[in-house]
Amino acid sequence: MGLKTVRLGFVLLLLLGHLEARGQNPADVQKALVNERWAWNDNGPCTRVLLCATYFDSFGLNIDFSDGSVVPFAHVQRLTTSAHDCIQNAKNALAQSPPDRGLAVEWVMASQIHNKPLMDWMRTHPDAVVAALAQIH
C-alpha cells in the first residue's frame, strides 16, 4: 500500500467521522450525492408539464433539520428548469447570507420531481442533501 493510499484512507476516515459527529450518516450523504450528480449532468428542460408546474409547498408541510430548525416549503415552481439548474439554484440558496437550507433542499427535490420516493427521502434527510451539495462542482 502506497503512502498516497494511506493518506487518502486517513482523510476519508476523518471525513466520515466528521459527518457522523454532525449526525449525518455517510451512506445518506452518498445517496444524496449520487442523485445530485445525476441532476447536475442533466441539462435538458423539465418536460413533464404537470409535475414541473407543481409548487414546492405541495411537497409537504415543512423540512426538519437535525439542529431542530423547521423550514416551511416555498411557493415556487420548477416549470421548465433543467435538473442542472435546479442544483445550481440549490447551491445559490446556500450561498445567500444567511444560507437558505430549506430552499436548497426544495430545489434538489425538484430536480428529482419524476421520482416521488426519492423526493420523500430527500425531505426526510435534508442534512445529507445539504452536505452532498457542498461536493457538487
N, C-alpha and C. Protein backbone atom coordinates (compact mmCIF):
# COMPACT_ATOMS: atom_id res chain seq x y z
N MET A 1 0.85 -1.17 0.00
CA MET A 1 0.00 0.00 0.00
C MET A 1 0.90 1.23 0.00
N GLY A 2 0.65 2.15 -0.95
CA GLY A 2 1.48 3.33 -1.07
C GLY A 2 1.10 4.40 -0.06
N LEU A 3 1.97 5.37 0.09
CA LEU A 3 1.74 6.48 1.02
C LEU A 3 0.51 7.28 0.64
N LYS A 4 0.28 7.47 -0.67
CA LYS A 4 -0.91 8.21 -1.12
C LYS A 4 -2.18 7.48 -0.70
N THR A 5 -2.19 6.17 -0.83
CA THR A 5 -3.36 5.37 -0.45
C THR A 5 -3.62 5.48 1.04
N VAL A 6 -2.57 5.43 1.84
CA VAL A 6 -2.72 5.55 3.29
C VAL A 6 -3.26 6.93 3.65
N ARG A 7 -2.72 7.98 3.03
CA ARG A 7 -3.19 9.34 3.30
C ARG A 7 -4.65 9.50 2.92
N LEU A 8 -5.02 9.00 1.73
CA LEU A 8 -6.39 9.08 1.28
C LEU A 8 -7.32 8.35 2.25
N GLY A 9 -6.91 7.17 2.69
CA GLY A 9 -7.72 6.42 3.65
C GLY A 9 -7.89 7.18 4.95
N PHE A 10 -6.83 7.84 5.41
CA PHE A 10 -6.89 8.62 6.64
C PHE A 10 -7.83 9.81 6.48
N VAL A 11 -7.75 10.49 5.34
CA VAL A 11 -8.63 11.64 5.08
C VAL A 11 -10.08 11.18 5.03
N LEU A 12 -10.35 10.06 4.37
CA LEU A 12 -11.71 9.54 4.31
C LEU A 12 -12.23 9.19 5.70
N LEU A 13 -11.40 8.59 6.53
CA LEU A 13 -11.81 8.27 7.90
C LEU A 13 -12.15 9.54 8.68
N LEU A 14 -11.33 10.56 8.52
CA LEU A 14 -11.61 11.84 9.20
C LEU A 14 -12.93 12.43 8.71
N LEU A 15 -13.15 12.41 7.39
CA LEU A 15 -14.38 12.93 6.83
C LEU A 15 -15.59 12.16 7.33
N LEU A 16 -15.51 10.84 7.30
CA LEU A 16 -16.63 10.02 7.79
C LEU A 16 -16.90 10.29 9.26
N GLY A 17 -15.84 10.42 10.05
CA GLY A 17 -16.02 10.72 11.47
C GLY A 17 -16.66 12.08 11.67
N HIS A 18 -16.27 13.05 10.84
CA HIS A 18 -16.85 14.40 10.92
C HIS A 18 -18.34 14.36 10.59
N LEU A 19 -18.70 13.62 9.52
CA LEU A 19 -20.10 13.52 9.15
C LEU A 19 -20.92 12.85 10.24
N GLU A 20 -20.39 11.77 10.79
CA GLU A 20 -21.13 11.07 11.85
C GLU A 20 -21.25 11.93 13.09
N ALA A 21 -20.21 12.72 13.38
CA ALA A 21 -20.26 13.60 14.55
C ALA A 21 -21.33 14.67 14.38
N ARG A 22 -21.60 15.07 13.16
CA ARG A 22 -22.62 16.07 12.89
C ARG A 22 -23.99 15.42 12.74
N GLY A 23 -24.09 14.13 13.01
CA GLY A 23 -25.38 13.44 12.94
C GLY A 23 -25.77 13.03 11.54
N GLN A 24 -24.82 13.01 10.62
CA GLN A 24 -25.13 12.63 9.24
C GLN A 24 -24.55 11.27 8.95
N ASN A 25 -25.38 10.41 8.47
CA ASN A 25 -24.95 9.09 8.07
C ASN A 25 -24.22 9.20 6.74
N PRO A 26 -22.97 8.76 6.65
CA PRO A 26 -22.22 8.86 5.38
C PRO A 26 -22.94 8.18 4.22
N ALA A 27 -23.65 7.09 4.49
CA ALA A 27 -24.39 6.41 3.42
C ALA A 27 -25.52 7.30 2.89
N ASP A 28 -26.14 8.08 3.78
CA ASP A 28 -27.19 9.01 3.35
C ASP A 28 -26.60 10.13 2.49
N VAL A 29 -25.46 10.66 2.90
CA VAL A 29 -24.81 11.71 2.11
C VAL A 29 -24.44 11.15 0.74
N GLN A 30 -23.94 9.93 0.70
CA GLN A 30 -23.56 9.31 -0.57
C GLN A 30 -24.78 9.13 -1.47
N LYS A 31 -25.90 8.69 -0.90
CA LYS A 31 -27.12 8.51 -1.69
C LYS A 31 -27.57 9.85 -2.28
N ALA A 32 -27.54 10.89 -1.46
CA ALA A 32 -27.91 12.22 -1.95
C ALA A 32 -26.94 12.66 -3.05
N LEU A 33 -25.66 12.45 -2.83
CA LEU A 33 -24.64 12.88 -3.78
C LEU A 33 -24.80 12.21 -5.14
N VAL A 34 -25.06 10.92 -5.15
CA VAL A 34 -25.24 10.20 -6.42
C VAL A 34 -26.39 10.82 -7.22
N ASN A 35 -27.48 11.11 -6.55
CA ASN A 35 -28.65 11.67 -7.23
C ASN A 35 -28.45 13.13 -7.62
N GLU A 36 -27.72 13.89 -6.80
CA GLU A 36 -27.44 15.28 -7.14
C GLU A 36 -26.46 15.35 -8.32
N ARG A 37 -25.50 14.44 -8.38
CA ARG A 37 -24.58 14.42 -9.52
C ARG A 37 -25.32 14.08 -10.81
N TRP A 38 -26.27 13.14 -10.72
CA TRP A 38 -27.08 12.82 -11.89
C TRP A 38 -27.79 14.09 -12.37
N ALA A 39 -28.42 14.81 -11.44
CA ALA A 39 -29.15 16.02 -11.80
C ALA A 39 -28.21 17.09 -12.35
N TRP A 40 -27.02 17.22 -11.77
CA TRP A 40 -26.05 18.22 -12.20
C TRP A 40 -25.68 18.01 -13.68
N ASN A 41 -25.73 16.77 -14.13
CA ASN A 41 -25.36 16.44 -15.51
C ASN A 41 -26.55 16.39 -16.47
N ASP A 42 -27.75 16.70 -15.99
CA ASP A 42 -28.95 16.69 -16.83
C ASP A 42 -29.33 18.13 -17.18
N ASN A 43 -28.98 18.54 -18.39
CA ASN A 43 -29.21 19.93 -18.82
C ASN A 43 -30.49 20.12 -19.62
N GLY A 44 -31.24 19.05 -19.82
CA GLY A 44 -32.48 19.17 -20.59
C GLY A 44 -33.59 19.81 -19.75
N PRO A 45 -34.53 20.48 -20.41
CA PRO A 45 -35.63 21.11 -19.67
C PRO A 45 -36.56 20.06 -19.08
N CYS A 46 -37.23 20.43 -18.02
CA CYS A 46 -38.23 19.54 -17.43
C CYS A 46 -39.39 19.45 -18.42
N THR A 47 -39.70 18.26 -18.88
CA THR A 47 -40.71 18.07 -19.92
C THR A 47 -42.02 17.48 -19.40
N ARG A 48 -42.06 17.10 -18.13
CA ARG A 48 -43.28 16.52 -17.57
C ARG A 48 -44.12 17.68 -17.02
N VAL A 49 -44.90 18.29 -17.89
CA VAL A 49 -45.56 19.56 -17.65
C VAL A 49 -46.31 19.61 -16.32
N LEU A 50 -47.13 18.63 -16.04
CA LEU A 50 -47.91 18.67 -14.79
C LEU A 50 -47.01 18.57 -13.56
N LEU A 51 -46.00 17.72 -13.62
CA LEU A 51 -45.08 17.61 -12.49
C LEU A 51 -44.26 18.88 -12.33
N CYS A 52 -43.77 19.41 -13.44
CA CYS A 52 -42.89 20.57 -13.39
C CYS A 52 -43.61 21.83 -12.93
N ALA A 53 -44.92 21.86 -13.09
CA ALA A 53 -45.71 23.02 -12.67
C ALA A 53 -46.10 22.95 -11.19
N THR A 54 -45.75 21.87 -10.53
CA THR A 54 -46.10 21.67 -9.12
C THR A 54 -45.37 22.69 -8.25
N TYR A 55 -46.11 23.29 -7.34
CA TYR A 55 -45.49 24.22 -6.38
C TYR A 55 -44.77 23.43 -5.30
N PHE A 56 -43.61 23.92 -4.87
CA PHE A 56 -42.81 23.23 -3.86
C PHE A 56 -43.60 23.01 -2.58
N ASP A 57 -44.50 23.95 -2.24
CA ASP A 57 -45.22 23.79 -0.97
C ASP A 57 -46.22 22.64 -1.01
N SER A 58 -46.38 22.00 -2.17
CA SER A 58 -47.21 20.79 -2.22
C SER A 58 -46.38 19.54 -1.91
N PHE A 59 -45.03 19.71 -1.74
CA PHE A 59 -44.16 18.58 -1.41
C PHE A 59 -44.38 18.09 0.01
N GLY A 60 -44.93 18.91 0.86
CA GLY A 60 -45.12 18.56 2.26
C GLY A 60 -45.31 19.81 3.09
N LEU A 61 -45.40 19.66 4.39
CA LEU A 61 -45.62 20.81 5.27
C LEU A 61 -44.34 21.59 5.53
N ASN A 62 -43.27 20.88 5.87
CA ASN A 62 -42.02 21.56 6.19
C ASN A 62 -40.86 20.57 6.17
N ILE A 63 -39.67 21.13 6.34
CA ILE A 63 -38.45 20.33 6.37
C ILE A 63 -37.86 20.47 7.77
N ASP A 64 -37.57 19.35 8.41
CA ASP A 64 -36.99 19.34 9.75
C ASP A 64 -35.51 19.00 9.67
N PHE A 65 -34.66 19.94 10.11
CA PHE A 65 -33.22 19.71 10.13
C PHE A 65 -32.80 19.15 11.48
N SER A 66 -31.64 18.50 11.50
CA SER A 66 -31.17 17.84 12.73
C SER A 66 -30.84 18.82 13.84
N ASP A 67 -30.63 20.11 13.51
CA ASP A 67 -30.34 21.10 14.55
C ASP A 67 -31.61 21.63 15.20
N GLY A 68 -32.77 21.07 14.81
CA GLY A 68 -34.04 21.46 15.40
C GLY A 68 -34.79 22.52 14.61
N SER A 69 -34.15 23.11 13.60
CA SER A 69 -34.85 24.13 12.82
C SER A 69 -35.86 23.46 11.88
N VAL A 70 -36.98 24.14 11.72
CA VAL A 70 -38.06 23.66 10.86
C VAL A 70 -38.32 24.74 9.83
N VAL A 71 -38.32 24.36 8.56
CA VAL A 71 -38.47 25.31 7.47
C VAL A 71 -39.69 24.95 6.64
N PRO A 72 -40.63 25.89 6.47
CA PRO A 72 -41.79 25.60 5.61
C PRO A 72 -41.38 25.59 4.14
N PHE A 73 -42.14 24.90 3.32
CA PHE A 73 -41.86 24.88 1.89
C PHE A 73 -42.22 26.21 1.25
N ALA A 74 -41.48 26.59 0.22
CA ALA A 74 -41.71 27.85 -0.50
C ALA A 74 -42.78 27.65 -1.57
N HIS A 75 -43.40 28.74 -1.97
CA HIS A 75 -44.40 28.72 -3.03
C HIS A 75 -43.67 29.05 -4.35
N VAL A 76 -42.93 28.07 -4.84
CA VAL A 76 -42.09 28.23 -6.04
C VAL A 76 -42.35 27.03 -6.94
N GLN A 77 -42.20 27.22 -8.26
CA GLN A 77 -42.36 26.14 -9.23
C GLN A 77 -41.07 25.91 -10.00
N ARG A 78 -40.86 24.68 -10.42
CA ARG A 78 -39.71 24.36 -11.27
C ARG A 78 -39.96 24.80 -12.71
N LEU A 79 -41.15 24.58 -13.20
CA LEU A 79 -41.53 24.84 -14.59
C LEU A 79 -40.58 24.12 -15.55
N THR A 80 -39.92 24.80 -16.47
CA THR A 80 -39.07 24.11 -17.44
C THR A 80 -37.60 24.08 -17.02
N THR A 81 -37.30 24.46 -15.81
CA THR A 81 -35.92 24.48 -15.32
C THR A 81 -35.29 23.09 -15.41
N SER A 82 -34.08 23.02 -15.95
CA SER A 82 -33.39 21.73 -16.04
C SER A 82 -33.01 21.24 -14.65
N ALA A 83 -32.73 19.96 -14.55
CA ALA A 83 -32.27 19.41 -13.27
C ALA A 83 -30.95 20.07 -12.86
N HIS A 84 -30.08 20.31 -13.84
CA HIS A 84 -28.81 21.00 -13.56
C HIS A 84 -29.07 22.37 -12.93
N ASP A 85 -30.00 23.12 -13.51
CA ASP A 85 -30.30 24.45 -12.98
C ASP A 85 -30.98 24.38 -11.61
N CYS A 86 -31.72 23.30 -11.36
CA CYS A 86 -32.29 23.10 -10.02
C CYS A 86 -31.15 22.99 -8.99
N ILE A 87 -30.12 22.21 -9.33
CA ILE A 87 -28.99 22.05 -8.43
C ILE A 87 -28.25 23.38 -8.29
N GLN A 88 -28.10 24.12 -9.39
CA GLN A 88 -27.45 25.43 -9.30
C GLN A 88 -28.26 26.37 -8.41
N ASN A 89 -29.59 26.34 -8.55
CA ASN A 89 -30.45 27.17 -7.69
C ASN A 89 -30.29 26.77 -6.22
N ALA A 90 -30.14 25.47 -5.98
CA ALA A 90 -29.92 24.99 -4.61
C ALA A 90 -28.60 25.53 -4.07
N LYS A 91 -27.56 25.47 -4.88
CA LYS A 91 -26.26 26.00 -4.45
C LYS A 91 -26.34 27.51 -4.21
N ASN A 92 -27.09 28.21 -5.06
CA ASN A 92 -27.27 29.66 -4.88
C ASN A 92 -28.00 29.96 -3.57
N ALA A 93 -28.98 29.13 -3.22
CA ALA A 93 -29.71 29.33 -1.96
C ALA A 93 -28.77 29.18 -0.76
N LEU A 94 -27.82 28.26 -0.87
CA LEU A 94 -26.85 28.08 0.22
C LEU A 94 -25.83 29.21 0.27
N ALA A 95 -25.62 29.88 -0.87
CA ALA A 95 -24.63 30.98 -0.93
C ALA A 95 -25.20 32.29 -0.38
N GLN A 96 -26.51 32.34 -0.15
CA GLN A 96 -27.12 33.55 0.41
C GLN A 96 -26.63 33.77 1.83
N SER A 97 -26.83 34.97 2.31
CA SER A 97 -26.48 35.27 3.70
C SER A 97 -27.74 35.71 4.43
N PRO A 98 -28.24 34.92 5.35
CA PRO A 98 -27.79 33.59 5.76
C PRO A 98 -28.21 32.54 4.72
N PRO A 99 -27.54 31.39 4.75
CA PRO A 99 -27.88 30.33 3.79
C PRO A 99 -29.34 29.88 3.97
N ASP A 100 -30.02 29.66 2.87
CA ASP A 100 -31.40 29.18 2.91
C ASP A 100 -31.39 27.68 2.64
N ARG A 101 -31.13 26.90 3.71
CA ARG A 101 -31.03 25.45 3.58
C ARG A 101 -32.34 24.83 3.10
N GLY A 102 -33.45 25.36 3.59
CA GLY A 102 -34.75 24.81 3.20
C GLY A 102 -34.99 24.92 1.71
N LEU A 103 -34.76 26.11 1.16
CA LEU A 103 -34.96 26.30 -0.28
C LEU A 103 -33.96 25.46 -1.08
N ALA A 104 -32.75 25.31 -0.56
CA ALA A 104 -31.75 24.47 -1.23
C ALA A 104 -32.26 23.03 -1.35
N VAL A 105 -32.78 22.50 -0.26
CA VAL A 105 -33.31 21.12 -0.27
C VAL A 105 -34.50 21.03 -1.23
N GLU A 106 -35.35 22.04 -1.24
CA GLU A 106 -36.51 22.02 -2.12
C GLU A 106 -36.09 22.00 -3.59
N TRP A 107 -35.07 22.77 -3.96
CA TRP A 107 -34.60 22.76 -5.34
C TRP A 107 -34.00 21.40 -5.70
N VAL A 108 -33.29 20.78 -4.76
CA VAL A 108 -32.76 19.44 -5.04
C VAL A 108 -33.92 18.46 -5.21
N MET A 109 -34.92 18.57 -4.36
CA MET A 109 -36.10 17.71 -4.50
C MET A 109 -36.75 17.93 -5.87
N ALA A 110 -36.84 19.18 -6.30
CA ALA A 110 -37.44 19.50 -7.60
C ALA A 110 -36.65 18.87 -8.75
N SER A 111 -35.34 18.73 -8.56
CA SER A 111 -34.52 18.10 -9.61
C SER A 111 -34.89 16.64 -9.79
N GLN A 112 -35.54 16.07 -8.80
CA GLN A 112 -35.93 14.66 -8.82
C GLN A 112 -37.45 14.51 -8.89
N ILE A 113 -38.12 15.48 -9.46
CA ILE A 113 -39.59 15.54 -9.44
C ILE A 113 -40.25 14.31 -10.06
N HIS A 114 -39.53 13.61 -10.90
CA HIS A 114 -40.03 12.41 -11.56
C HIS A 114 -39.97 11.18 -10.65
N ASN A 115 -39.35 11.31 -9.48
CA ASN A 115 -39.12 10.17 -8.59
C ASN A 115 -39.65 10.49 -7.18
N LYS A 116 -40.94 10.29 -6.97
CA LYS A 116 -41.59 10.65 -5.71
C LYS A 116 -40.95 9.99 -4.49
N PRO A 117 -40.63 8.68 -4.53
CA PRO A 117 -39.99 8.08 -3.35
C PRO A 117 -38.66 8.76 -2.99
N LEU A 118 -37.87 9.11 -4.00
CA LEU A 118 -36.60 9.79 -3.74
C LEU A 118 -36.84 11.19 -3.18
N MET A 119 -37.81 11.90 -3.73
CA MET A 119 -38.16 13.22 -3.19
C MET A 119 -38.54 13.13 -1.72
N ASP A 120 -39.35 12.15 -1.39
CA ASP A 120 -39.76 11.96 0.01
C ASP A 120 -38.55 11.65 0.89
N TRP A 121 -37.64 10.83 0.38
CA TRP A 121 -36.43 10.50 1.14
C TRP A 121 -35.62 11.77 1.38
N MET A 122 -35.48 12.60 0.35
CA MET A 122 -34.71 13.84 0.50
C MET A 122 -35.35 14.78 1.52
N ARG A 123 -36.68 14.81 1.54
CA ARG A 123 -37.38 15.67 2.52
C ARG A 123 -37.07 15.23 3.94
N THR A 124 -36.88 13.93 4.14
CA THR A 124 -36.62 13.43 5.49
C THR A 124 -35.13 13.30 5.80
N HIS A 125 -34.27 13.64 4.84
CA HIS A 125 -32.81 13.61 5.04
C HIS A 125 -32.18 14.92 4.56
N PRO A 126 -32.70 16.06 5.02
CA PRO A 126 -32.23 17.34 4.47
C PRO A 126 -30.76 17.64 4.77
N ASP A 127 -30.26 17.20 5.90
CA ASP A 127 -28.86 17.47 6.24
C ASP A 127 -27.92 16.74 5.27
N ALA A 128 -28.29 15.53 4.88
CA ALA A 128 -27.49 14.79 3.89
C ALA A 128 -27.54 15.46 2.53
N VAL A 129 -28.70 15.98 2.17
CA VAL A 129 -28.85 16.69 0.89
C VAL A 129 -27.94 17.92 0.86
N VAL A 130 -27.94 18.69 1.95
CA VAL A 130 -27.09 19.89 2.03
C VAL A 130 -25.61 19.52 2.02
N ALA A 131 -25.24 18.48 2.77
CA ALA A 131 -23.84 18.05 2.79
C ALA A 131 -23.38 17.61 1.41
N ALA A 132 -24.23 16.92 0.68
CA ALA A 132 -23.87 16.46 -0.66
C ALA A 132 -23.72 17.64 -1.62
N LEU A 133 -24.55 18.67 -1.46
CA LEU A 133 -24.45 19.84 -2.34
C LEU A 133 -23.06 20.47 -2.29
N ALA A 134 -22.43 20.42 -1.13
CA ALA A 134 -21.10 21.01 -0.97
C ALA A 134 -20.06 20.29 -1.83
N GLN A 135 -20.39 19.08 -2.29
CA GLN A 135 -19.45 18.29 -3.08
C GLN A 135 -19.70 18.40 -4.58
N ILE A 136 -20.71 19.16 -4.97
CA ILE A 136 -21.04 19.34 -6.39
C ILE A 136 -20.30 20.56 -6.93
N HIS A 137 -19.53 20.35 -7.99
CA HIS A 137 -18.77 21.46 -8.60
C HIS A 137 -18.94 21.45 -10.09
